[in-house]
Amino acid sequence: MELLMFNNQTDLNLENFNNIKRPITLHTRLGPIDVTHENIFHFESGLLGFEKSKKFGLGMMPGVPKNSPFMILQSFNEDDLCFILFNNNMENVDSVGQIKSLLLKSDIDHVAAILSMDTQDLKYAFVISTNNSMKNNMSINTMAPIFFNVESKTAWQIVLNNPIYNVCEPLC
């Protein structure tokens, strides 16, 4: 049996090969999603009602176009813990085709100041919910959006103290 030795060139290529970060496949209630390392976020305080789950992956929802505003936020700790998010950062088209703001700029600026970060590094999404009384309608929680710092890979769900926001804001 011949022992194969790697030369320096091969070792270098293997080192680069090992440093390539491949997507991680997470199995969700809605099907598998691929999560890149850039889309893994640490929630310092967890999510409301799920404070023990702190590491989440953000991926595209299975079966929807890539430019869809719908995403999945999947816990790394609990397989059954996932949320459908609506990612629309600042603008939404209402029923007559007008663009309306989902969050006030002053509230976004306030959150950025609380988190000591630049507003441009702050992205946000809304948790989607449905219930039996709204079988054909989805709503989003505009009162407690999820804020993402894409640079530090940290995230927070923050309750906004403004009466214009609702826990069940109709999406459609």
N, C-alpha and C. Protein backbone atom coordinates (compact mmCIF):
# COMPACT_ATOMS: atom_id res chain seq x y z
N MET A 1 0.86 -1.18 0.00
CA MET A 1 0.00 0.00 0.00
C MET A 1 0.89 1.23 0.00
N GLU A 2 0.57 2.15 -0.88
CA GLU A 2 1.39 3.35 -1.02
C GLU A 2 0.81 4.47 -0.18
N LEU A 3 1.64 5.15 0.56
CA LEU A 3 1.22 6.28 1.37
C LEU A 3 1.34 7.54 0.53
N LEU A 4 0.24 8.27 0.35
CA LEU A 4 0.26 9.48 -0.45
C LEU A 4 0.61 10.67 0.43
N MET A 5 1.56 11.45 -0.01
CA MET A 5 1.98 12.64 0.73
C MET A 5 1.48 13.87 -0.02
N PHE A 6 0.98 14.85 0.70
CA PHE A 6 0.54 16.09 0.08
C PHE A 6 1.73 17.02 -0.04
N ASN A 7 1.86 17.66 -1.18
CA ASN A 7 2.90 18.67 -1.29
C ASN A 7 2.36 20.00 -0.78
N ASN A 8 3.20 21.00 -0.70
CA ASN A 8 2.79 22.30 -0.17
C ASN A 8 1.64 22.91 -0.95
N GLN A 9 1.66 22.77 -2.26
CA GLN A 9 0.59 23.34 -3.09
C GLN A 9 -0.75 22.68 -2.75
N THR A 10 -0.75 21.38 -2.58
CA THR A 10 -1.99 20.67 -2.25
C THR A 10 -2.47 21.07 -0.86
N ASP A 11 -1.55 21.19 0.09
CA ASP A 11 -1.94 21.60 1.44
C ASP A 11 -2.59 22.98 1.42
N LEU A 12 -2.05 23.88 0.63
CA LEU A 12 -2.59 25.22 0.53
C LEU A 12 -4.01 25.17 -0.05
N ASN A 13 -4.20 24.37 -1.08
CA ASN A 13 -5.53 24.25 -1.67
C ASN A 13 -6.53 23.64 -0.69
N LEU A 14 -6.08 22.64 0.06
CA LEU A 14 -6.96 22.03 1.05
C LEU A 14 -7.31 23.03 2.15
N GLU A 15 -6.34 23.86 2.52
CA GLU A 15 -6.61 24.86 3.54
C GLU A 15 -7.68 25.83 3.05
N ASN A 16 -7.56 26.30 1.82
CA ASN A 16 -8.58 27.19 1.26
C ASN A 16 -9.92 26.47 1.14
N PHE A 17 -9.88 25.20 0.77
CA PHE A 17 -11.09 24.41 0.63
C PHE A 17 -11.82 24.32 1.97
N ASN A 18 -11.06 24.12 3.05
CA ASN A 18 -11.67 24.00 4.37
C ASN A 18 -12.21 25.33 4.88
N ASN A 19 -11.71 26.45 4.36
CA ASN A 19 -12.18 27.75 4.81
C ASN A 19 -13.43 28.22 4.07
N ILE A 20 -13.82 27.52 3.02
CA ILE A 20 -15.03 27.89 2.29
C ILE A 20 -16.23 27.57 3.19
N LYS A 21 -17.07 28.56 3.38
CA LYS A 21 -18.22 28.37 4.25
C LYS A 21 -19.42 28.02 3.39
N ARG A 22 -19.85 26.80 3.52
CA ARG A 22 -21.00 26.32 2.76
C ARG A 22 -22.28 26.60 3.55
N PRO A 23 -23.40 26.72 2.82
CA PRO A 23 -24.67 26.92 3.53
C PRO A 23 -24.98 25.73 4.44
N ILE A 24 -25.69 26.02 5.48
CA ILE A 24 -26.15 25.01 6.42
C ILE A 24 -27.62 24.74 6.08
N THR A 25 -28.00 23.49 5.98
CA THR A 25 -29.40 23.16 5.73
C THR A 25 -30.08 22.93 7.07
N LEU A 26 -31.12 23.72 7.32
CA LEU A 26 -31.92 23.57 8.53
C LEU A 26 -33.27 22.99 8.14
N HIS A 27 -33.75 22.07 8.94
CA HIS A 27 -35.04 21.45 8.66
C HIS A 27 -36.10 22.15 9.50
N THR A 28 -37.04 22.78 8.81
CA THR A 28 -38.09 23.54 9.48
C THR A 28 -39.42 22.82 9.31
N ARG A 29 -40.44 23.31 9.99
CA ARG A 29 -41.79 22.76 9.83
C ARG A 29 -42.30 22.95 8.41
N LEU A 30 -41.73 23.91 7.70
CA LEU A 30 -42.19 24.24 6.35
C LEU A 30 -41.31 23.65 5.26
N GLY A 31 -40.32 22.88 5.66
CA GLY A 31 -39.40 22.29 4.69
C GLY A 31 -37.98 22.76 4.95
N PRO A 32 -37.01 22.17 4.26
CA PRO A 32 -35.61 22.55 4.50
C PRO A 32 -35.30 23.93 3.92
N ILE A 33 -34.43 24.66 4.62
CA ILE A 33 -33.93 25.93 4.12
C ILE A 33 -32.42 25.93 4.22
N ASP A 34 -31.78 26.62 3.28
CA ASP A 34 -30.34 26.79 3.33
C ASP A 34 -30.04 28.14 3.96
N VAL A 35 -29.15 28.12 4.94
CA VAL A 35 -28.77 29.33 5.65
C VAL A 35 -27.27 29.52 5.48
N THR A 36 -26.88 30.68 4.96
CA THR A 36 -25.46 30.99 4.85
C THR A 36 -24.97 31.51 6.20
N HIS A 37 -23.67 31.47 6.39
CA HIS A 37 -23.10 31.95 7.65
C HIS A 37 -23.39 33.43 7.87
N GLU A 38 -23.58 34.17 6.78
CA GLU A 38 -23.91 35.59 6.90
C GLU A 38 -25.31 35.80 7.44
N ASN A 39 -26.14 34.77 7.41
CA ASN A 39 -27.53 34.88 7.86
C ASN A 39 -27.80 34.12 9.14
N ILE A 40 -26.77 33.98 9.97
CA ILE A 40 -26.95 33.40 11.30
C ILE A 40 -26.84 34.55 12.29
N PHE A 41 -27.88 34.71 13.11
CA PHE A 41 -27.95 35.84 14.03
C PHE A 41 -28.10 35.36 15.47
N HIS A 42 -27.48 36.12 16.37
CA HIS A 42 -27.58 35.86 17.80
C HIS A 42 -28.53 36.89 18.41
N PHE A 43 -29.59 36.39 19.04
CA PHE A 43 -30.55 37.24 19.74
C PHE A 43 -30.11 37.29 21.20
N GLU A 44 -29.58 38.42 21.62
CA GLU A 44 -29.04 38.54 22.97
C GLU A 44 -30.09 38.24 24.04
N SER A 45 -31.33 38.62 23.80
CA SER A 45 -32.41 38.39 24.77
C SER A 45 -33.41 37.35 24.30
N GLY A 46 -33.11 36.66 23.24
CA GLY A 46 -34.08 35.72 22.66
C GLY A 46 -35.23 36.49 22.02
N LEU A 47 -36.26 35.78 21.67
CA LEU A 47 -37.48 36.40 21.14
C LEU A 47 -38.54 36.41 22.24
N LEU A 48 -39.49 37.31 22.12
CA LEU A 48 -40.54 37.39 23.14
C LEU A 48 -41.25 36.04 23.26
N GLY A 49 -41.24 35.50 24.47
CA GLY A 49 -41.85 34.21 24.72
C GLY A 49 -40.91 33.03 24.48
N PHE A 50 -39.76 33.29 23.90
CA PHE A 50 -38.78 32.24 23.58
C PHE A 50 -37.38 32.72 23.95
N GLU A 51 -37.24 33.20 25.17
CA GLU A 51 -36.01 33.83 25.61
C GLU A 51 -34.80 32.90 25.64
N LYS A 52 -35.03 31.59 25.72
CA LYS A 52 -33.90 30.65 25.79
C LYS A 52 -33.29 30.36 24.43
N SER A 53 -34.03 30.56 23.37
CA SER A 53 -33.50 30.35 22.01
C SER A 53 -32.82 31.63 21.56
N LYS A 54 -31.53 31.54 21.31
CA LYS A 54 -30.76 32.75 20.99
C LYS A 54 -30.10 32.71 19.62
N LYS A 55 -29.93 31.53 19.03
CA LYS A 55 -29.25 31.43 17.74
C LYS A 55 -30.27 31.02 16.68
N PHE A 56 -30.39 31.87 15.65
CA PHE A 56 -31.37 31.65 14.59
C PHE A 56 -30.72 31.82 13.22
N GLY A 57 -31.24 31.06 12.28
CA GLY A 57 -30.83 31.20 10.89
C GLY A 57 -31.96 31.82 10.10
N LEU A 58 -31.60 32.69 9.17
CA LEU A 58 -32.57 33.38 8.34
C LEU A 58 -32.43 32.86 6.92
N GLY A 59 -33.50 32.31 6.37
CA GLY A 59 -33.43 31.73 5.03
C GLY A 59 -34.67 32.03 4.21
N MET A 60 -34.56 31.74 2.93
CA MET A 60 -35.69 31.94 2.03
C MET A 60 -36.74 30.87 2.30
N MET A 61 -37.97 31.25 2.16
CA MET A 61 -39.07 30.32 2.38
C MET A 61 -39.13 29.34 1.22
N PRO A 62 -39.25 28.04 1.52
CA PRO A 62 -39.31 27.05 0.44
C PRO A 62 -40.51 27.28 -0.47
N GLY A 63 -40.28 27.14 -1.76
CA GLY A 63 -41.37 27.21 -2.72
C GLY A 63 -41.83 28.60 -3.11
N VAL A 64 -41.13 29.63 -2.70
CA VAL A 64 -41.50 30.99 -3.10
C VAL A 64 -40.36 31.60 -3.91
N PRO A 65 -40.66 32.55 -4.80
CA PRO A 65 -39.60 33.16 -5.60
C PRO A 65 -38.53 33.83 -4.73
N LYS A 66 -37.32 33.91 -5.25
CA LYS A 66 -36.21 34.48 -4.48
C LYS A 66 -36.42 35.94 -4.11
N ASN A 67 -37.19 36.68 -4.90
CA ASN A 67 -37.42 38.08 -4.58
C ASN A 67 -38.63 38.29 -3.68
N SER A 68 -39.17 37.22 -3.14
CA SER A 68 -40.32 37.29 -2.25
C SER A 68 -39.93 37.97 -0.93
N PRO A 69 -40.85 38.72 -0.33
CA PRO A 69 -40.55 39.33 0.96
C PRO A 69 -40.70 38.37 2.14
N PHE A 70 -41.06 37.12 1.87
CA PHE A 70 -41.28 36.16 2.95
C PHE A 70 -40.01 35.36 3.21
N MET A 71 -39.65 35.24 4.48
CA MET A 71 -38.45 34.51 4.90
C MET A 71 -38.80 33.65 6.11
N ILE A 72 -37.89 32.75 6.44
CA ILE A 72 -38.06 31.93 7.63
C ILE A 72 -36.93 32.23 8.60
N LEU A 73 -37.31 32.40 9.86
CA LEU A 73 -36.35 32.56 10.95
C LEU A 73 -36.43 31.27 11.76
N GLN A 74 -35.37 30.45 11.68
CA GLN A 74 -35.38 29.12 12.28
C GLN A 74 -34.40 29.06 13.45
N SER A 75 -34.88 28.54 14.57
CA SER A 75 -34.02 28.34 15.74
C SER A 75 -33.03 27.22 15.49
N PHE A 76 -31.81 27.39 15.94
CA PHE A 76 -30.82 26.32 15.91
C PHE A 76 -31.01 25.38 17.09
N ASN A 77 -31.69 25.84 18.15
CA ASN A 77 -31.85 25.06 19.37
C ASN A 77 -33.09 24.17 19.37
N GLU A 78 -34.14 24.63 18.71
CA GLU A 78 -35.40 23.90 18.72
C GLU A 78 -35.90 23.74 17.29
N ASP A 79 -35.96 22.50 16.82
CA ASP A 79 -36.37 22.24 15.43
C ASP A 79 -37.76 22.77 15.10
N ASP A 80 -38.67 22.73 16.06
CA ASP A 80 -40.05 23.15 15.80
C ASP A 80 -40.27 24.65 15.95
N LEU A 81 -39.23 25.39 16.31
CA LEU A 81 -39.38 26.82 16.54
C LEU A 81 -38.92 27.60 15.31
N CYS A 82 -39.89 28.02 14.51
CA CYS A 82 -39.57 28.86 13.36
C CYS A 82 -40.69 29.87 13.17
N PHE A 83 -40.33 30.97 12.56
CA PHE A 83 -41.26 32.06 12.33
C PHE A 83 -41.20 32.45 10.86
N ILE A 84 -42.35 32.78 10.30
CA ILE A 84 -42.37 33.35 8.96
C ILE A 84 -42.26 34.86 9.15
N LEU A 85 -41.32 35.45 8.43
CA LEU A 85 -41.11 36.89 8.53
C LEU A 85 -41.50 37.58 7.24
N PHE A 86 -41.92 38.80 7.38
CA PHE A 86 -42.19 39.68 6.24
C PHE A 86 -41.09 40.72 6.22
N ASN A 87 -40.25 40.68 5.21
CA ASN A 87 -39.11 41.59 5.09
C ASN A 87 -39.45 42.64 4.04
N ASN A 88 -39.75 43.83 4.49
CA ASN A 88 -40.09 44.87 3.53
C ASN A 88 -39.44 46.20 3.85
N ASN A 89 -38.59 46.26 4.82
CA ASN A 89 -37.83 47.43 5.21
C ASN A 89 -38.36 48.76 4.72
N MET A 90 -39.32 49.28 5.43
CA MET A 90 -39.82 50.65 5.33
C MET A 90 -41.00 50.85 4.40
N GLU A 91 -41.20 50.04 3.40
CA GLU A 91 -42.25 50.38 2.45
C GLU A 91 -43.20 49.20 2.22
N ASN A 92 -44.45 49.52 2.05
CA ASN A 92 -45.46 48.52 1.75
C ASN A 92 -46.45 49.14 0.77
N VAL A 93 -46.95 48.37 -0.15
CA VAL A 93 -47.92 48.87 -1.12
C VAL A 93 -49.31 48.56 -0.60
N ASP A 94 -50.12 49.59 -0.44
CA ASP A 94 -51.48 49.36 0.06
C ASP A 94 -52.41 48.96 -1.09
N SER A 95 -53.70 48.82 -0.79
CA SER A 95 -54.65 48.26 -1.75
C SER A 95 -54.84 49.11 -3.00
N VAL A 96 -54.50 50.39 -2.96
CA VAL A 96 -54.65 51.22 -4.16
C VAL A 96 -53.30 51.51 -4.81
N GLY A 97 -52.28 50.77 -4.44
CA GLY A 97 -50.98 50.91 -5.07
C GLY A 97 -50.11 52.01 -4.51
N GLN A 98 -50.53 52.62 -3.42
CA GLN A 98 -49.72 53.66 -2.79
C GLN A 98 -48.69 53.02 -1.87
N ILE A 99 -47.52 53.62 -1.83
CA ILE A 99 -46.49 53.11 -0.91
C ILE A 99 -46.67 53.79 0.43
N LYS A 100 -46.76 52.98 1.48
CA LYS A 100 -46.89 53.54 2.82
C LYS A 100 -45.78 52.97 3.70
N SER A 101 -45.41 53.73 4.68
CA SER A 101 -44.36 53.31 5.59
C SER A 101 -44.94 52.40 6.66
N LEU A 102 -44.24 51.32 6.97
CA LEU A 102 -44.70 50.42 8.02
C LEU A 102 -44.17 50.85 9.39
N LEU A 103 -42.99 51.46 9.41
CA LEU A 103 -42.44 52.01 10.65
C LEU A 103 -42.05 53.46 10.40
N LEU A 104 -42.29 54.28 11.39
CA LEU A 104 -41.89 55.68 11.27
C LEU A 104 -40.37 55.78 11.35
N LYS A 105 -39.81 56.67 10.56
CA LYS A 105 -38.36 56.88 10.57
C LYS A 105 -37.89 57.28 11.97
N SER A 106 -38.67 58.07 12.67
CA SER A 106 -38.28 58.50 14.02
C SER A 106 -38.17 57.30 14.97
N ASP A 107 -39.04 56.29 14.80
CA ASP A 107 -38.95 55.09 15.63
C ASP A 107 -37.74 54.25 15.27
N ILE A 108 -37.43 54.17 13.99
CA ILE A 108 -36.23 53.43 13.55
C ILE A 108 -34.98 54.13 14.09
N ASP A 109 -34.95 55.45 13.99
CA ASP A 109 -33.81 56.22 14.52
C ASP A 109 -33.66 56.01 16.02
N HIS A 110 -34.80 55.96 16.73
CA HIS A 110 -34.77 55.76 18.18
C HIS A 110 -34.20 54.38 18.53
N VAL A 111 -34.62 53.35 17.81
CA VAL A 111 -34.09 52.00 18.05
C VAL A 111 -32.60 51.97 17.76
N ALA A 112 -32.17 52.58 16.67
CA ALA A 112 -30.74 52.62 16.33
C ALA A 112 -29.95 53.31 17.44
N ALA A 113 -30.48 54.38 18.00
CA ALA A 113 -29.80 55.08 19.08
C ALA A 113 -29.71 54.21 20.33
N ILE A 114 -30.80 53.52 20.66
CA ILE A 114 -30.80 52.61 21.82
C ILE A 114 -29.74 51.53 21.65
N LEU A 115 -29.61 51.01 20.43
CA LEU A 115 -28.66 49.94 20.15
C LEU A 115 -27.26 50.46 19.85
N SER A 116 -27.08 51.77 19.88
CA SER A 116 -25.79 52.42 19.60
C SER A 116 -25.23 52.00 18.25
N MET A 117 -26.04 52.13 17.23
CA MET A 117 -25.59 51.74 15.90
C MET A 117 -26.12 52.71 14.85
N ASP A 118 -25.51 52.64 13.68
CA ASP A 118 -25.92 53.48 12.56
C ASP A 118 -27.23 52.93 11.98
N THR A 119 -28.15 53.81 11.69
CA THR A 119 -29.44 53.41 11.13
C THR A 119 -29.29 52.60 9.85
N GLN A 120 -28.26 52.89 9.06
CA GLN A 120 -28.07 52.17 7.80
C GLN A 120 -27.67 50.72 8.00
N ASP A 121 -27.11 50.37 9.17
CA ASP A 121 -26.76 48.97 9.46
C ASP A 121 -27.94 48.20 10.03
N LEU A 122 -29.02 48.89 10.32
CA LEU A 122 -30.17 48.29 10.98
C LEU A 122 -31.21 47.88 9.94
N LYS A 123 -31.51 46.60 9.88
CA LYS A 123 -32.57 46.07 9.02
C LYS A 123 -33.65 45.52 9.93
N TYR A 124 -34.85 45.40 9.41
CA TYR A 124 -35.91 44.86 10.24
C TYR A 124 -36.89 44.04 9.42
N ALA A 125 -37.63 43.21 10.14
CA ALA A 125 -38.66 42.37 9.53
C ALA A 125 -39.77 42.19 10.56
N PHE A 126 -40.90 41.73 10.09
CA PHE A 126 -42.07 41.57 10.94
C PHE A 126 -42.47 40.10 11.01
N VAL A 127 -42.87 39.65 12.19
CA VAL A 127 -43.37 38.29 12.36
C VAL A 127 -44.79 38.24 11.80
N ILE A 128 -45.05 37.24 10.97
CA ILE A 128 -46.38 37.03 10.39
C ILE A 128 -47.16 36.06 11.28
N SER A 129 -48.44 36.35 11.42
CA SER A 129 -49.28 35.42 12.18
C SER A 129 -50.62 35.26 11.47
N THR A 130 -51.24 34.14 11.73
CA THR A 130 -52.60 33.89 11.29
C THR A 130 -53.34 33.29 12.47
N ASN A 131 -54.65 33.42 12.48
CA ASN A 131 -55.44 32.74 13.50
C ASN A 131 -56.75 32.28 12.87
N ASN A 132 -57.51 31.53 13.62
CA ASN A 132 -58.73 30.92 13.06
C ASN A 132 -59.73 31.95 12.56
N SER A 133 -59.80 33.12 13.18
CA SER A 133 -60.76 34.13 12.73
C SER A 133 -60.30 34.84 11.46
N MET A 134 -59.04 34.64 11.07
CA MET A 134 -58.50 35.28 9.87
C MET A 134 -57.88 34.23 8.96
N LYS A 135 -58.61 33.17 8.66
CA LYS A 135 -58.04 32.05 7.92
C LYS A 135 -57.41 32.45 6.59
N ASN A 136 -58.01 33.37 5.89
CA ASN A 136 -57.48 33.76 4.58
C ASN A 136 -56.64 35.03 4.63
N ASN A 137 -56.48 35.59 5.80
CA ASN A 137 -55.72 36.83 5.94
C ASN A 137 -54.53 36.63 6.86
N MET A 138 -53.44 37.24 6.49
CA MET A 138 -52.26 37.22 7.34
C MET A 138 -52.12 38.59 7.97
N SER A 139 -51.51 38.61 9.13
CA SER A 139 -51.21 39.88 9.77
C SER A 139 -49.75 39.89 10.17
N ILE A 140 -49.24 41.09 10.39
CA ILE A 140 -47.86 41.23 10.85
C ILE A 140 -47.87 41.98 12.17
N ASN A 141 -46.86 41.70 12.97
CA ASN A 141 -46.71 42.36 14.25
C ASN A 141 -45.83 43.59 14.06
N THR A 142 -46.47 44.75 13.87
CA THR A 142 -45.69 45.98 13.70
C THR A 142 -45.29 46.58 15.05
N MET A 143 -45.90 46.10 16.14
CA MET A 143 -45.57 46.61 17.46
C MET A 143 -44.23 46.08 17.96
N ALA A 144 -43.87 44.87 17.56
CA ALA A 144 -42.62 44.26 18.05
C ALA A 144 -41.84 43.67 16.88
N PRO A 145 -41.31 44.53 16.00
CA PRO A 145 -40.53 44.01 14.87
C PRO A 145 -39.20 43.42 15.34
N ILE A 146 -38.59 42.68 14.46
CA ILE A 146 -37.27 42.11 14.73
C ILE A 146 -36.25 42.97 13.99
N PHE A 147 -35.27 43.46 14.73
CA PHE A 147 -34.22 44.30 14.18
C PHE A 147 -32.94 43.49 14.06
N PHE A 148 -32.27 43.63 12.92
CA PHE A 148 -31.04 42.89 12.63
C PHE A 148 -29.89 43.87 12.42
N ASN A 149 -28.76 43.61 13.08
CA ASN A 149 -27.52 44.32 12.76
C ASN A 149 -26.74 43.39 11.85
N VAL A 150 -26.70 43.70 10.57
CA VAL A 150 -26.08 42.80 9.60
C VAL A 150 -24.56 42.75 9.74
N GLU A 151 -23.97 43.77 10.36
CA GLU A 151 -22.51 43.78 10.55
C GLU A 151 -22.09 42.87 11.69
N SER A 152 -22.76 42.98 12.84
CA SER A 152 -22.36 42.20 14.02
C SER A 152 -23.09 40.87 14.13
N LYS A 153 -24.07 40.62 13.26
CA LYS A 153 -24.85 39.38 13.26
C LYS A 153 -25.62 39.20 14.57
N THR A 154 -26.11 40.31 15.10
CA THR A 154 -26.94 40.27 16.29
C THR A 154 -28.34 40.75 15.92
N ALA A 155 -29.32 40.38 16.74
CA ALA A 155 -30.70 40.75 16.46
C ALA A 155 -31.47 40.89 17.76
N TRP A 156 -32.56 41.64 17.68
CA TRP A 156 -33.40 41.90 18.83
C TRP A 156 -34.84 42.01 18.37
N GLN A 157 -35.75 41.55 19.21
CA GLN A 157 -37.16 41.86 19.00
C GLN A 157 -37.49 42.95 20.00
N ILE A 158 -37.89 44.10 19.50
CA ILE A 158 -38.09 45.28 20.35
C ILE A 158 -39.54 45.73 20.24
N VAL A 159 -40.17 45.92 21.40
CA VAL A 159 -41.53 46.43 21.45
C VAL A 159 -41.47 47.95 21.32
N LEU A 160 -42.15 48.48 20.32
CA LEU A 160 -42.16 49.92 20.08
C LEU A 160 -43.30 50.56 20.86
N ASN A 161 -42.97 51.61 21.58
CA ASN A 161 -43.95 52.30 22.42
C ASN A 161 -44.61 53.42 21.62
N ASN A 162 -45.44 53.01 20.66
CA ASN A 162 -46.14 53.98 19.82
C ASN A 162 -47.51 53.38 19.51
N PRO A 163 -48.58 54.10 19.83
CA PRO A 163 -49.93 53.54 19.66
C PRO A 163 -50.34 53.30 18.20
N ILE A 164 -49.57 53.75 17.24
CA ILE A 164 -49.95 53.52 15.84
C ILE A 164 -49.67 52.09 15.39
N TYR A 165 -48.86 51.34 16.16
CA TYR A 165 -48.50 49.98 15.78
C TYR A 165 -49.44 48.98 16.43
N ASN A 166 -49.62 47.84 15.74
CA ASN A 166 -50.51 46.78 16.21
C ASN A 166 -49.79 45.45 16.25
N VAL A 167 -50.26 44.58 17.12
CA VAL A 167 -49.75 43.21 17.15
C VAL A 167 -50.27 42.45 15.93
N CYS A 168 -51.47 42.79 15.47
CA CYS A 168 -52.07 42.13 14.30
C CYS A 168 -52.45 43.16 13.24
N GLU A 169 -51.47 43.67 12.54
CA GLU A 169 -51.70 44.62 11.44
C GLU A 169 -51.98 43.81 10.18
N PRO A 170 -53.15 43.98 9.55
CA PRO A 170 -53.45 43.19 8.34
C PRO A 170 -52.40 43.40 7.26
N LEU A 171 -51.97 42.30 6.68
CA LEU A 171 -50.97 42.37 5.61
C LEU A 171 -51.64 42.50 4.26
N CYS A 172 -52.80 41.88 4.11
CA CYS A 172 -53.50 41.91 2.81
C CYS A 172 -54.65 42.88 2.83
